[in-house]
């Protein structure tokens, strides 16, 4: 199915652990250039960087790519993407993928997968990705967000806790699940319809998202559905630290691409 989609890449300069992250060099190019290339390889019809920093704006312009200067007071990437959609005059039915600006190793196929999954149905205005957990220790890792789906592939709940709880084996922490149901790790990439983005930004934050520190729980709180596309494996981690930057550079230098 040929479903056209756009990609917006939120890129902030101010990172506590790695200031100026989008402009740091990886294999001779700024990180934001690698991320934009992943979106282009995914065959997005339009790729736009969203930033609130003039240095990033100027760099993207110099690369010959599209960039939009957004309000510095946005509280989330979702709000920033919504402003881009409004500035660009995109239609309510247009599909927009949120690609984080620190994910230079994201497989282009995953960007395309989440967009096509959203376009193939009309029950949800948002889609995201998940992958099967293969390491039982990850089930108990609060930094790994788990998701449980219904039979149609829509999210029932997201949590940092071990869900679903296997009562026959989890009485001792670290017990291996005995149930055949696969445990799924949420991958934080989203595709939205523009209309959904506008609705989302009108909602107040929910108690659930505050407790778990998971923004997507606001969507379930308001009774909306989230489609979850399962992919073969979780992508390589993004860049949060100098060590991550070096790891990613080695991966790109060794393969020439991803």
C-alpha atoms as a PDB file:
ATOM      1  CA  UNK A   1       0.000   0.000   0.000  1.00  0.00           C
ATOM      2  CA  UNK A   2       1.339   3.417  -0.988  1.00  0.00           C
ATOM      3  CA  UNK A   3       0.615   5.665   2.000  1.00  0.00           C
ATOM      4  CA  UNK A   4       2.279   9.090   1.776  1.00  0.00           C
ATOM      5  CA  UNK A   5       3.691  10.400   5.036  1.00  0.00           C
ATOM      6  CA  UNK A   6       5.805  13.204   6.401  1.00  0.00           C
ATOM      7  CA  UNK A   7       8.551  13.096   9.021  1.00  0.00           C
ATOM      8  CA  UNK A   8       9.189  15.775  11.635  1.00  0.00           C
ATOM      9  CA  UNK A   9      12.438  15.626  13.614  1.00  0.00           C
ATOM     10  CA  UNK A  10      12.361  17.611  16.881  1.00  0.00           C
ATOM     11  CA  UNK A  11      15.900  18.815  17.638  1.00  0.00           C
ATOM     12  CA  UNK A  12      16.849  20.723  20.775  1.00  0.00           C
ATOM     13  CA  UNK A  13      20.264  22.210  21.508  1.00  0.00           C
ATOM     14  CA  UNK A  14      19.989  22.090  25.282  1.00  0.00           C
ATOM     15  CA  UNK A  15      20.781  18.573  26.499  1.00  0.00           C
ATOM     16  CA  UNK A  16      21.925  18.212  30.106  1.00  0.00           C
ATOM     17  CA  UNK A  17      24.282  15.328  29.422  1.00  0.00           C
ATOM     18  CA  UNK A  18      25.361  16.260  25.895  1.00  0.00           C
ATOM     19  CA  UNK A  19      24.852  19.947  25.009  1.00  0.00           C
ATOM     20  CA  UNK A  20      24.466  20.749  21.332  1.00  0.00           C
ATOM     21  CA  UNK A  21      23.728  17.109  20.599  1.00  0.00           C
ATOM     22  CA  UNK A  22      22.118  17.497  17.130  1.00  0.00           C
ATOM     23  CA  UNK A  23      25.196  19.338  15.832  1.00  0.00           C
ATOM     24  CA  UNK A  24      27.841  16.939  17.158  1.00  0.00           C
ATOM     25  CA  UNK A  25      29.853  15.260  14.416  1.00  0.00           C
ATOM     26  CA  UNK A  26      29.401  11.588  13.591  1.00  0.00           C
ATOM     27  CA  UNK A  27      31.615  10.255  10.814  1.00  0.00           C
ATOM     28  CA  UNK A  28      32.166  13.766   9.513  1.00  0.00           C
ATOM     29  CA  UNK A  29      28.547  14.932   9.530  1.00  0.00           C
ATOM     30  CA  UNK A  30      26.363  16.492  12.246  1.00  0.00           C
ATOM     31  CA  UNK A  31      24.073  13.979  13.906  1.00  0.00           C
ATOM     32  CA  UNK A  32      20.971  15.745  12.596  1.00  0.00           C
ATOM     33  CA  UNK A  33      22.188  15.059   9.037  1.00  0.00           C
ATOM     34  CA  UNK A  34      22.269  11.317   9.718  1.00  0.00           C
ATOM     35  CA  UNK A  35      18.776  11.382  11.204  1.00  0.00           C
ATOM     36  CA  UNK A  36      17.413  13.321   8.230  1.00  0.00           C
ATOM     37  CA  UNK A  37      19.021  10.777   5.915  1.00  0.00           C
ATOM     38  CA  UNK A  38      17.211   7.941   7.678  1.00  0.00           C
ATOM     39  CA  UNK A  39      13.897   9.738   7.038  1.00  0.00           C
ATOM     40  CA  UNK A  40      14.773  10.286   3.375  1.00  0.00           C
ATOM     41  CA  UNK A  41      15.698   6.596   3.015  1.00  0.00           C
ATOM     42  CA  UNK A  42      12.286   5.730   4.488  1.00  0.00           C
ATOM     43  CA  UNK A  43      10.763   7.459   1.428  1.00  0.00           C
ATOM     44  CA  UNK A  44       9.004  10.205   3.370  1.00  0.00           C
ATOM     45  CA  UNK A  45       7.405  12.719   1.016  1.00  0.00           C
ATOM     46  CA  UNK A  46       8.559  15.573   3.252  1.00  0.00           C
ATOM     47  CA  UNK A  47      11.194  15.807   6.008  1.00  0.00           C
ATOM     48  CA  UNK A  48      11.176  18.794   8.379  1.00  0.00           C
ATOM     49  CA  UNK A  49      13.413  19.531  11.359  1.00  0.00           C
ATOM     50  CA  UNK A  50      11.664  21.322  14.243  1.00  0.00           C
ATOM     51  CA  UNK A  51      13.912  23.368  16.500  1.00  0.00           C
ATOM     52  CA  UNK A  52      13.947  26.380  18.796  1.00  0.00           C
ATOM     53  CA  UNK A  53      17.648  27.099  18.340  1.00  0.00           C
ATOM     54  CA  UNK A  54      19.167  29.336  15.672  1.00  0.00           C
ATOM     55  CA  UNK A  55      22.359  27.268  15.450  1.00  0.00           C
ATOM     56  CA  UNK A  56      20.430  24.133  14.518  1.00  0.00           C
ATOM     57  CA  UNK A  57      18.197  26.138  12.175  1.00  0.00           C
ATOM     58  CA  UNK A  58      21.208  27.531  10.325  1.00  0.00           C
ATOM     59  CA  UNK A  59      22.880  24.118  10.045  1.00  0.00           C
ATOM     60  CA  UNK A  60      19.805  22.473   8.544  1.00  0.00           C
ATOM     61  CA  UNK A  61      19.392  25.325   6.054  1.00  0.00           C
ATOM     62  CA  UNK A  62      23.057  24.904   5.086  1.00  0.00           C
ATOM     63  CA  UNK A  63      22.363  21.216   4.385  1.00  0.00           C
ATOM     64  CA  UNK A  64      19.580  22.209   1.981  1.00  0.00           C
ATOM     65  CA  UNK A  65      16.843  20.662   4.129  1.00  0.00           C
ATOM     66  CA  UNK A  66      13.606  22.013   5.578  1.00  0.00           C
ATOM     67  CA  UNK A  67      13.497  23.411   9.092  1.00  0.00           C
ATOM     68  CA  UNK A  68      10.869  25.247  11.132  1.00  0.00           C
ATOM     69  CA  UNK A  69      11.607  27.501  14.110  1.00  0.00           C
ATOM     70  CA  UNK A  70       9.153  26.635  16.869  1.00  0.00           C
ATOM     71  CA  UNK A  71       8.090  28.112  20.194  1.00  0.00           C
ATOM     72  CA  UNK A  72      10.783  27.514  22.872  1.00  0.00           C
ATOM     73  CA  UNK A  73       8.088  27.117  25.540  1.00  0.00           C
ATOM     74  CA  UNK A  74       6.719  23.803  24.213  1.00  0.00           C
ATOM     75  CA  UNK A  75       6.634  21.129  26.909  1.00  0.00           C
ATOM     76  CA  UNK A  76       6.972  18.141  24.561  1.00  0.00           C
ATOM     77  CA  UNK A  77       8.025  17.064  21.117  1.00  0.00           C
ATOM     78  CA  UNK A  78       4.385  16.384  20.321  1.00  0.00           C
ATOM     79  CA  UNK A  79       3.511  20.045  20.828  1.00  0.00           C
ATOM     80  CA  UNK A  80       6.457  21.055  18.659  1.00  0.00           C
ATOM     81  CA  UNK A  81       5.317  18.719  15.864  1.00  0.00           C
ATOM     82  CA  UNK A  82       1.790  20.099  16.065  1.00  0.00           C
ATOM     83  CA  UNK A  83       3.130  23.628  15.556  1.00  0.00           C
ATOM     84  CA  UNK A  84       5.086  22.422  12.511  1.00  0.00           C
ATOM     85  CA  UNK A  85       1.930  20.876  11.026  1.00  0.00           C
ATOM     86  CA  UNK A  86       0.092  24.153  11.528  1.00  0.00           C
ATOM     87  CA  UNK A  87       2.906  26.285  10.089  1.00  0.00           C
ATOM     88  CA  UNK A  88       3.228  23.992   7.068  1.00  0.00           C
ATOM     89  CA  UNK A  89      -0.550  23.987   6.491  1.00  0.00           C
ATOM     90  CA  UNK A  90      -0.836  20.202   6.464  1.00  0.00           C
ATOM     91  CA  UNK A  91      -4.274  18.618   6.148  1.00  0.00           C
ATOM     92  CA  UNK A  92      -6.009  16.937   9.078  1.00  0.00           C
ATOM     93  CA  UNK A  93      -5.714  13.506   7.434  1.00  0.00           C
ATOM     94  CA  UNK A  94      -1.983  13.802   6.704  1.00  0.00           C
ATOM     95  CA  UNK A  95       0.261  11.273   8.452  1.00  0.00           C
ATOM     96  CA  UNK A  96       3.249  12.627  10.375  1.00  0.00           C
ATOM     97  CA  UNK A  97       6.006  10.498  11.926  1.00  0.00           C
ATOM     98  CA  UNK A  98       7.815  11.824  14.990  1.00  0.00           C
ATOM     99  CA  UNK A  99      11.487  10.859  14.577  1.00  0.00           C
ATOM    100  CA  UNK A 100      13.725  11.824  17.479  1.00  0.00           C
ATOM    101  CA  UNK A 101      16.744  13.925  16.540  1.00  0.00           C
ATOM    102  CA  UNK A 102      19.142  11.675  18.498  1.00  0.00           C
ATOM    103  CA  UNK A 103      18.310   8.416  16.675  1.00  0.00           C
ATOM    104  CA  UNK A 104      20.851   8.209  13.821  1.00  0.00           C
ATOM    105  CA  UNK A 105      20.748   4.394  13.771  1.00  0.00           C
ATOM    106  CA  UNK A 106      16.979   4.013  13.420  1.00  0.00           C
ATOM    107  CA  UNK A 107      16.171   1.599  10.562  1.00  0.00           C
ATOM    108  CA  UNK A 108      14.374   3.469   7.764  1.00  0.00           C
ATOM    109  CA  UNK A 109      12.034   0.488   7.439  1.00  0.00           C
ATOM    110  CA  UNK A 110      10.710   1.182  10.953  1.00  0.00           C
ATOM    111  CA  UNK A 111       9.848   4.758  10.030  1.00  0.00           C
ATOM    112  CA  UNK A 112       7.928   3.489   7.044  1.00  0.00           C
ATOM    113  CA  UNK A 113       6.339   0.624   9.028  1.00  0.00           C
ATOM    114  CA  UNK A 114       4.735   2.871  11.628  1.00  0.00           C
ATOM    115  CA  UNK A 115       3.360   5.235   8.981  1.00  0.00           C
ATOM    116  CA  UNK A 116       1.929   2.432   6.839  1.00  0.00           C
ATOM    117  CA  UNK A 117       0.396   0.737   9.877  1.00  0.00           C
ATOM    118  CA  UNK A 118      -1.466   3.913  10.797  1.00  0.00           C
ATOM    119  CA  UNK A 119      -2.630   4.452   7.234  1.00  0.00           C
ATOM    120  CA  UNK A 120      -3.977   0.899   6.916  1.00  0.00           C
ATOM    121  CA  UNK A 121      -6.692   1.396   9.567  1.00  0.00           C
ATOM    122  CA  UNK A 122      -9.058   4.103  10.767  1.00  0.00           C
ATOM    123  CA  UNK A 123      -9.744   3.207  14.413  1.00  0.00           C
ATOM    124  CA  UNK A 124      -6.761   5.092  15.864  1.00  0.00           C
ATOM    125  CA  UNK A 125      -5.219   8.448  15.067  1.00  0.00           C
ATOM    126  CA  UNK A 126      -1.827   7.349  16.364  1.00  0.00           C
ATOM    127  CA  UNK A 127       0.441   4.344  15.879  1.00  0.00           C
ATOM    128  CA  UNK A 128       3.686   3.271  17.516  1.00  0.00           C
ATOM    129  CA  UNK A 129       6.107   0.326  17.560  1.00  0.00           C
ATOM    130  CA  UNK A 130       7.060  -2.515  19.891  1.00  0.00           C
ATOM    131  CA  UNK A 131       9.442  -5.469  19.834  1.00  0.00           C
ATOM    132  CA  UNK A 132       9.502  -8.767  21.698  1.00  0.00           C
ATOM    133  CA  UNK A 133      11.643  -8.791  24.844  1.00  0.00           C
ATOM    134  CA  UNK A 134      14.185 -11.592  24.670  1.00  0.00           C
ATOM    135  CA  UNK A 135      16.096 -10.891  27.902  1.00  0.00           C
ATOM    136  CA  UNK A 136      14.053 -11.663  31.019  1.00  0.00           C
ATOM    137  CA  UNK A 137      15.982  -9.044  33.026  1.00  0.00           C
ATOM    138  CA  UNK A 138      14.618  -6.325  30.744  1.00  0.00           C
ATOM    139  CA  UNK A 139      11.088  -7.110  31.906  1.00  0.00           C
ATOM    140  CA  UNK A 140      12.020  -5.727  35.330  1.00  0.00           C
ATOM    141  CA  UNK A 141      14.038  -2.757  34.049  1.00  0.00           C
ATOM    142  CA  UNK A 142      12.033   0.454  34.667  1.00  0.00           C
ATOM    143  CA  UNK A 143      13.896   2.184  31.828  1.00  0.00           C
ATOM    144  CA  UNK A 144      12.383  -0.330  29.407  1.00  0.00           C
ATOM    145  CA  UNK A 145       8.731   0.559  28.841  1.00  0.00           C
ATOM    146  CA  UNK A 146       6.448  -2.442  28.389  1.00  0.00           C
ATOM    147  CA  UNK A 147       3.175  -2.533  26.482  1.00  0.00           C
ATOM    148  CA  UNK A 148       0.288  -5.005  26.513  1.00  0.00           C
ATOM    149  CA  UNK A 149      -1.934  -5.300  23.443  1.00  0.00           C
ATOM    150  CA  UNK A 150      -5.441  -6.505  22.761  1.00  0.00           C
ATOM    151  CA  UNK A 151      -6.165  -9.136  20.103  1.00  0.00           C
ATOM    152  CA  UNK A 152      -6.397  -6.479  17.372  1.00  0.00           C
ATOM    153  CA  UNK A 153      -3.006  -4.947  18.125  1.00  0.00           C
ATOM    154  CA  UNK A 154      -4.155  -1.865  20.029  1.00  0.00           C
ATOM    155  CA  UNK A 155      -2.522  -0.897  23.329  1.00  0.00           C
ATOM    156  CA  UNK A 156      -4.216  -1.832  26.581  1.00  0.00           C
ATOM    157  CA  UNK A 157      -1.563  -0.192  28.772  1.00  0.00           C
ATOM    158  CA  UNK A 158       2.045   0.985  28.902  1.00  0.00           C
ATOM    159  CA  UNK A 159       4.144   0.672  32.034  1.00  0.00           C
ATOM    160  CA  UNK A 160       7.658   0.728  33.413  1.00  0.00           C
ATOM    161  CA  UNK A 161       6.576  -2.233  35.547  1.00  0.00           C
ATOM    162  CA  UNK A 162       6.638  -5.890  34.501  1.00  0.00           C
ATOM    163  CA  UNK A 163       3.375  -6.282  32.597  1.00  0.00           C
ATOM    164  CA  UNK A 164       1.626  -8.607  32.185  1.00  0.00           C
ATOM    165  CA  UNK A 165       2.471  -9.998  35.635  1.00  0.00           C
ATOM    166  CA  UNK A 166       3.225 -13.718  35.431  1.00  0.00           C
ATOM    167  CA  UNK A 167       1.986 -14.740  38.863  1.00  0.00           C
ATOM    168  CA  UNK A 168       3.367 -18.275  38.545  1.00  0.00           C
ATOM    169  CA  UNK A 169       6.984 -17.175  38.081  1.00  0.00           C
ATOM    170  CA  UNK A 170       7.357 -13.549  39.181  1.00  0.00           C
ATOM    171  CA  UNK A 171       7.025 -14.114  42.922  1.00  0.00           C
ATOM    172  CA  UNK A 172      10.827 -14.099  42.894  1.00  0.00           C
ATOM    173  CA  UNK A 173      12.230 -11.100  41.037  1.00  0.00           C
ATOM    174  CA  UNK A 174      14.017 -12.197  37.908  1.00  0.00           C
ATOM    175  CA  UNK A 175      11.960 -15.326  37.436  1.00  0.00           C
ATOM    176  CA  UNK A 176      11.646 -16.361  33.820  1.00  0.00           C
ATOM    177  CA  UNK A 177       8.119 -16.002  32.431  1.00  0.00           C
ATOM    178  CA  UNK A 178       6.318 -19.295  32.018  1.00  0.00           C
ATOM    179  CA  UNK A 179       3.443 -17.900  29.996  1.00  0.00           C
ATOM    180  CA  UNK A 180       3.679 -18.142  26.217  1.00  0.00           C
ATOM    181  CA  UNK A 181       2.520 -14.543  25.664  1.00  0.00           C
ATOM    182  CA  UNK A 182       5.474 -12.481  24.405  1.00  0.00           C
ATOM    183  CA  UNK A 183       6.579  -9.542  26.529  1.00  0.00           C
ATOM    184  CA  UNK A 184       6.796  -6.411  24.427  1.00  0.00           C
ATOM    185  CA  UNK A 185       9.082  -3.413  24.764  1.00  0.00           C
ATOM    186  CA  UNK A 186       7.669  -0.138  23.526  1.00  0.00           C
ATOM    187  CA  UNK A 187       9.756   1.674  20.909  1.00  0.00           C
ATOM    188  CA  UNK A 188       9.160   5.413  21.197  1.00  0.00           C
ATOM    189  CA  UNK A 189       8.436   6.276  17.585  1.00  0.00           C
ATOM    190  CA  UNK A 190       4.975   7.583  16.684  1.00  0.00           C
ATOM    191  CA  UNK A 191       2.931   8.260  13.585  1.00  0.00           C
ATOM    192  CA  UNK A 192      -0.045  10.615  13.911  1.00  0.00           C
ATOM    193  CA  UNK A 193      -2.851  12.020  11.877  1.00  0.00           C
ATOM    194  CA  UNK A 194      -2.625  15.811  12.027  1.00  0.00           C
ATOM    195  CA  UNK A 195      -6.167  16.003  13.443  1.00  0.00           C
ATOM    196  CA  UNK A 196      -5.107  13.745  16.309  1.00  0.00           C
ATOM    197  CA  UNK A 197      -2.138  15.989  17.078  1.00  0.00           C
ATOM    198  CA  UNK A 198      -4.410  18.996  17.404  1.00  0.00           C
ATOM    199  CA  UNK A 199      -6.794  17.099  19.696  1.00  0.00           C
ATOM    200  CA  UNK A 200      -3.952  15.800  21.852  1.00  0.00           C
ATOM    201  CA  UNK A 201      -2.558  19.262  22.480  1.00  0.00           C
ATOM    202  CA  UNK A 202      -5.959  20.406  23.777  1.00  0.00           C
ATOM    203  CA  UNK A 203      -6.006  17.748  26.532  1.00  0.00           C
ATOM    204  CA  UNK A 204      -4.817  18.357  30.066  1.00  0.00           C
ATOM    205  CA  UNK A 205      -2.108  16.081  31.456  1.00  0.00           C
ATOM    206  CA  UNK A 206      -3.436  12.980  33.225  1.00  0.00           C
ATOM    207  CA  UNK A 207      -2.653  11.398  36.580  1.00  0.00           C
ATOM    208  CA  UNK A 208      -1.492   8.199  34.895  1.00  0.00           C
ATOM    209  CA  UNK A 209       1.222   9.878  32.832  1.00  0.00           C
ATOM    210  CA  UNK A 210       2.454  11.736  35.910  1.00  0.00           C
ATOM    211  CA  UNK A 211       2.747   8.514  37.935  1.00  0.00           C
ATOM    212  CA  UNK A 212       4.564   6.506  35.247  1.00  0.00           C
ATOM    213  CA  UNK A 213       6.227   9.489  33.524  1.00  0.00           C
ATOM    214  CA  UNK A 214       4.873   8.206  30.203  1.00  0.00           C
ATOM    215  CA  UNK A 215       3.267  10.805  27.965  1.00  0.00           C
ATOM    216  CA  UNK A 216       1.394   8.224  25.854  1.00  0.00           C
ATOM    217  CA  UNK A 217      -0.798   7.300  28.829  1.00  0.00           C
ATOM    218  CA  UNK A 218      -2.634  10.596  28.338  1.00  0.00           C
ATOM    219  CA  UNK A 219      -4.052   9.118  25.134  1.00  0.00           C
ATOM    220  CA  UNK A 220      -5.447   6.027  26.861  1.00  0.00           C
ATOM    221  CA  UNK A 221      -6.723   8.183  29.746  1.00  0.00           C
ATOM    222  CA  UNK A 222      -8.906  10.103  27.295  1.00  0.00           C
ATOM    223  CA  UNK A 223     -10.283   6.898  25.796  1.00  0.00           C
ATOM    224  CA  UNK A 224      -8.397   6.992  22.488  1.00  0.00           C
ATOM    225  CA  UNK A 225      -6.748   3.967  20.887  1.00  0.00           C
ATOM    226  CA  UNK A 226      -3.071   3.505  20.049  1.00  0.00           C
ATOM    227  CA  UNK A 227      -2.200   1.048  17.302  1.00  0.00           C
ATOM    228  CA  UNK A 228       1.004  -0.894  17.999  1.00  0.00           C
ATOM    229  CA  UNK A 229       3.002  -2.389  15.137  1.00  0.00           C
ATOM    230  CA  UNK A 230       5.323  -5.198  16.264  1.00  0.00           C
ATOM    231  CA  UNK A 231       8.742  -5.256  14.594  1.00  0.00           C
ATOM    232  CA  UNK A 232      11.460  -7.892  14.600  1.00  0.00           C
ATOM    233  CA  UNK A 233      13.741  -6.299  17.196  1.00  0.00           C
ATOM    234  CA  UNK A 234      14.329  -3.088  19.079  1.00  0.00           C
ATOM    235  CA  UNK A 235      16.597  -0.611  17.245  1.00  0.00           C
ATOM    236  CA  UNK A 236      20.030   0.397  18.466  1.00  0.00           C
ATOM    237  CA  UNK A 237      19.898   2.906  21.312  1.00  0.00           C
ATOM    238  CA  UNK A 238      20.087   6.593  20.479  1.00  0.00           C
ATOM    239  CA  UNK A 239      22.627   9.163  21.653  1.00  0.00           C
ATOM    240  CA  UNK A 240      22.416  10.443  25.233  1.00  0.00           C
ATOM    241  CA  UNK A 241      26.077  10.477  26.278  1.00  0.00           C
ATOM    242  CA  UNK A 242      29.572  10.853  24.815  1.00  0.00           C
ATOM    243  CA  UNK A 243      29.963   7.079  24.986  1.00  0.00           C
ATOM    244  CA  UNK A 244      26.783   6.701  22.929  1.00  0.00           C
ATOM    245  CA  UNK A 245      28.153   9.131  20.367  1.00  0.00           C
ATOM    246  CA  UNK A 246      31.333   7.079  19.997  1.00  0.00           C
ATOM    247  CA  UNK A 247      29.381   3.812  19.778  1.00  0.00           C
ATOM    248  CA  UNK A 248      27.132   5.180  17.032  1.00  0.00           C
ATOM    249  CA  UNK A 249      30.075   6.575  15.092  1.00  0.00           C
ATOM    250  CA  UNK A 250      31.806   3.195  15.150  1.00  0.00           C
ATOM    251  CA  UNK A 251      28.637   1.490  13.917  1.00  0.00           C
ATOM    252  CA  UNK A 252      28.300   3.921  11.008  1.00  0.00           C
ATOM    253  CA  UNK A 253      31.985   3.766  10.098  1.00  0.00           C
ATOM    254  CA  UNK A 254      31.941  -0.037  10.116  1.00  0.00           C
ATOM    255  CA  UNK A 255      28.848  -0.452   7.988  1.00  0.00           C
ATOM    256  CA  UNK A 256      28.939   2.697   5.914  1.00  0.00           C
ATOM    257  CA  UNK A 257      25.234   3.052   6.748  1.00  0.00           C
ATOM    258  CA  UNK A 258      22.667   1.184   8.787  1.00  0.00           C
END
